[in-house]
Amino acid sequence: MAAAKKTTARGRKQDRARVAGGQNYEVGYESKKTGRSASAVKKAVKKVGKSGKRVEKRLGR
C-alpha cells in the first residue's frame, strides 16, 4: 500500500494564513482570537477575502 502524501511545509503555512468562512471551527477560532462575533468574522471574510491579515485588520485587531 502506498503511504498518504503529506502536505508540504509551504502548503501548511499558506493554509494557516487564510480563514475559511464556511468552516465553523476556523470562524470560531478567529472569533475568539479577535473578540468579535462569528457573524462579524464571516462578514469580514466576504468583504475582504480569505487572507487572515486582511480579516483581522477589517475586524480592528
N, C-alpha and C. Protein backbone atom coordinates (compact mmCIF):
# COMPACT_ATOMS: atom_id res chain seq x y z
N MET A 1 0.82 -1.19 0.00
CA MET A 1 0.00 0.00 0.00
C MET A 1 0.86 1.25 0.00
N ALA A 2 0.44 2.23 -0.73
CA ALA A 2 1.17 3.49 -0.78
C ALA A 2 0.80 4.36 0.43
N ALA A 3 1.78 5.04 0.94
CA ALA A 3 1.53 5.94 2.08
C ALA A 3 0.84 7.20 1.58
N ALA A 4 0.03 7.78 2.42
CA ALA A 4 -0.66 9.01 2.06
C ALA A 4 0.35 10.13 1.90
N LYS A 5 0.17 10.92 0.87
CA LYS A 5 1.09 12.03 0.63
C LYS A 5 0.83 13.13 1.65
N LYS A 6 1.89 13.61 2.26
CA LYS A 6 1.77 14.65 3.26
C LYS A 6 1.86 16.02 2.60
N THR A 7 1.22 17.00 3.20
CA THR A 7 1.26 18.36 2.70
C THR A 7 2.65 18.92 2.91
N THR A 8 3.12 19.69 1.96
CA THR A 8 4.43 20.30 2.12
C THR A 8 4.37 21.41 3.17
N ALA A 9 5.49 21.78 3.69
CA ALA A 9 5.55 22.84 4.71
C ALA A 9 4.99 24.14 4.14
N ARG A 10 5.28 24.43 2.89
CA ARG A 10 4.79 25.65 2.26
C ARG A 10 3.27 25.64 2.20
N GLY A 11 2.68 24.51 1.89
CA GLY A 11 1.23 24.40 1.80
C GLY A 11 0.55 24.62 3.13
N ARG A 12 1.14 24.08 4.20
CA ARG A 12 0.57 24.28 5.54
C ARG A 12 0.63 25.74 5.95
N LYS A 13 1.76 26.38 5.66
CA LYS A 13 1.93 27.79 6.03
C LYS A 13 0.91 28.65 5.30
N GLN A 14 0.70 28.38 4.02
CA GLN A 14 -0.26 29.15 3.25
C GLN A 14 -1.67 28.91 3.77
N ASP A 15 -1.97 27.69 4.17
CA ASP A 15 -3.30 27.37 4.67
C ASP A 15 -3.56 28.08 6.00
N ARG A 16 -2.56 28.19 6.83
CA ARG A 16 -2.73 28.85 8.13
C ARG A 16 -2.95 30.35 7.97
N ALA A 17 -2.51 30.91 6.86
CA ALA A 17 -2.64 32.35 6.63
C ALA A 17 -4.03 32.73 6.15
N ARG A 18 -4.89 31.74 5.93
CA ARG A 18 -6.23 32.00 5.41
C ARG A 18 -7.31 31.65 6.43
N VAL A 19 -8.47 32.27 6.24
CA VAL A 19 -9.63 31.99 7.09
C VAL A 19 -10.74 31.47 6.17
N ALA A 20 -11.17 30.24 6.39
CA ALA A 20 -12.25 29.68 5.59
C ALA A 20 -13.58 30.07 6.24
N GLY A 21 -14.32 30.95 5.59
CA GLY A 21 -15.57 31.45 6.14
C GLY A 21 -16.63 30.38 6.31
N GLY A 22 -16.54 29.28 5.58
CA GLY A 22 -17.52 28.21 5.66
C GLY A 22 -17.19 27.15 6.70
N GLN A 23 -16.01 27.24 7.30
CA GLN A 23 -15.59 26.26 8.30
C GLN A 23 -15.83 26.82 9.70
N ASN A 24 -16.79 26.24 10.41
CA ASN A 24 -17.17 26.77 11.73
C ASN A 24 -16.01 26.82 12.71
N TYR A 25 -15.11 25.83 12.67
CA TYR A 25 -14.00 25.83 13.62
C TYR A 25 -13.02 26.95 13.32
N GLU A 26 -12.82 27.29 12.05
CA GLU A 26 -11.93 28.39 11.72
C GLU A 26 -12.56 29.74 12.06
N VAL A 27 -13.85 29.86 11.81
CA VAL A 27 -14.57 31.09 12.16
C VAL A 27 -14.57 31.26 13.68
N GLY A 28 -14.79 30.18 14.41
CA GLY A 28 -14.79 30.24 15.86
C GLY A 28 -13.43 30.62 16.43
N TYR A 29 -12.38 30.08 15.84
CA TYR A 29 -11.02 30.39 16.27
C TYR A 29 -10.74 31.88 16.07
N GLU A 30 -11.06 32.37 14.89
CA GLU A 30 -10.80 33.78 14.57
C GLU A 30 -11.68 34.68 15.44
N SER A 31 -12.89 34.25 15.72
CA SER A 31 -13.80 34.99 16.57
C SER A 31 -13.24 35.13 17.98
N LYS A 32 -12.74 34.03 18.53
CA LYS A 32 -12.16 34.05 19.86
C LYS A 32 -10.88 34.88 19.89
N LYS A 33 -10.10 34.76 18.83
CA LYS A 33 -8.83 35.47 18.73
C LYS A 33 -9.02 36.99 18.68
N THR A 34 -10.05 37.45 17.96
CA THR A 34 -10.27 38.88 17.79
C THR A 34 -11.28 39.46 18.77
N GLY A 35 -12.04 38.60 19.44
CA GLY A 35 -13.04 39.07 20.38
C GLY A 35 -14.31 39.58 19.69
N ARG A 36 -14.51 39.19 18.46
CA ARG A 36 -15.70 39.60 17.71
C ARG A 36 -16.62 38.40 17.51
N SER A 37 -17.84 38.65 17.08
CA SER A 37 -18.79 37.55 16.88
C SER A 37 -18.46 36.76 15.62
N ALA A 38 -18.99 35.55 15.55
CA ALA A 38 -18.77 34.69 14.38
C ALA A 38 -19.37 35.33 13.13
N SER A 39 -20.52 35.97 13.27
CA SER A 39 -21.13 36.60 12.10
C SER A 39 -20.28 37.77 11.60
N ALA A 40 -19.63 38.49 12.51
CA ALA A 40 -18.75 39.58 12.11
C ALA A 40 -17.55 39.04 11.34
N VAL A 41 -17.02 37.90 11.77
CA VAL A 41 -15.89 37.28 11.08
C VAL A 41 -16.31 36.84 9.68
N LYS A 42 -17.48 36.21 9.57
CA LYS A 42 -17.97 35.77 8.26
C LYS A 42 -18.17 36.94 7.32
N LYS A 43 -18.72 38.05 7.83
CA LYS A 43 -18.92 39.23 7.01
C LYS A 43 -17.59 39.81 6.55
N ALA A 44 -16.60 39.80 7.44
CA ALA A 44 -15.27 40.30 7.09
C ALA A 44 -14.63 39.44 6.01
N VAL A 45 -14.80 38.13 6.10
CA VAL A 45 -14.24 37.22 5.09
C VAL A 45 -14.89 37.49 3.74
N LYS A 46 -16.20 37.71 3.74
CA LYS A 46 -16.89 38.01 2.48
C LYS A 46 -16.44 39.34 1.90
N LYS A 47 -16.19 40.31 2.77
CA LYS A 47 -15.85 41.66 2.32
C LYS A 47 -14.41 41.76 1.80
N VAL A 48 -13.44 41.21 2.53
CA VAL A 48 -12.03 41.40 2.18
C VAL A 48 -11.33 40.16 1.64
N GLY A 49 -11.98 39.01 1.69
CA GLY A 49 -11.36 37.79 1.19
C GLY A 49 -10.87 36.90 2.32
N LYS A 50 -10.13 35.85 1.95
CA LYS A 50 -9.72 34.82 2.91
C LYS A 50 -8.45 35.13 3.68
N SER A 51 -7.72 36.17 3.30
CA SER A 51 -6.46 36.48 3.95
C SER A 51 -6.68 36.79 5.43
N GLY A 52 -5.97 36.06 6.29
CA GLY A 52 -6.10 36.26 7.72
C GLY A 52 -5.72 37.66 8.16
N LYS A 53 -4.67 38.21 7.57
CA LYS A 53 -4.23 39.55 7.94
C LYS A 53 -5.29 40.59 7.58
N ARG A 54 -5.87 40.46 6.40
CA ARG A 54 -6.89 41.43 6.00
C ARG A 54 -8.15 41.30 6.84
N VAL A 55 -8.51 40.06 7.20
CA VAL A 55 -9.69 39.83 8.03
C VAL A 55 -9.48 40.47 9.40
N GLU A 56 -8.31 40.25 10.00
CA GLU A 56 -8.02 40.83 11.31
C GLU A 56 -8.00 42.35 11.24
N LYS A 57 -7.44 42.89 10.18
CA LYS A 57 -7.41 44.35 10.01
C LYS A 57 -8.83 44.89 9.91
N ARG A 58 -9.67 44.20 9.15
CA ARG A 58 -11.08 44.62 8.99
C ARG A 58 -11.82 44.58 10.32
N LEU A 59 -11.50 43.60 11.15
CA LEU A 59 -12.17 43.46 12.44
C LEU A 59 -11.59 44.39 13.50
N GLY A 60 -10.55 45.12 13.14
CA GLY A 60 -9.99 46.10 14.06
C GLY A 60 -9.07 45.53 15.10
N ARG A 61 -8.33 44.50 14.75
CA ARG A 61 -7.39 43.91 15.70
C ARG A 61 -6.02 44.48 15.47
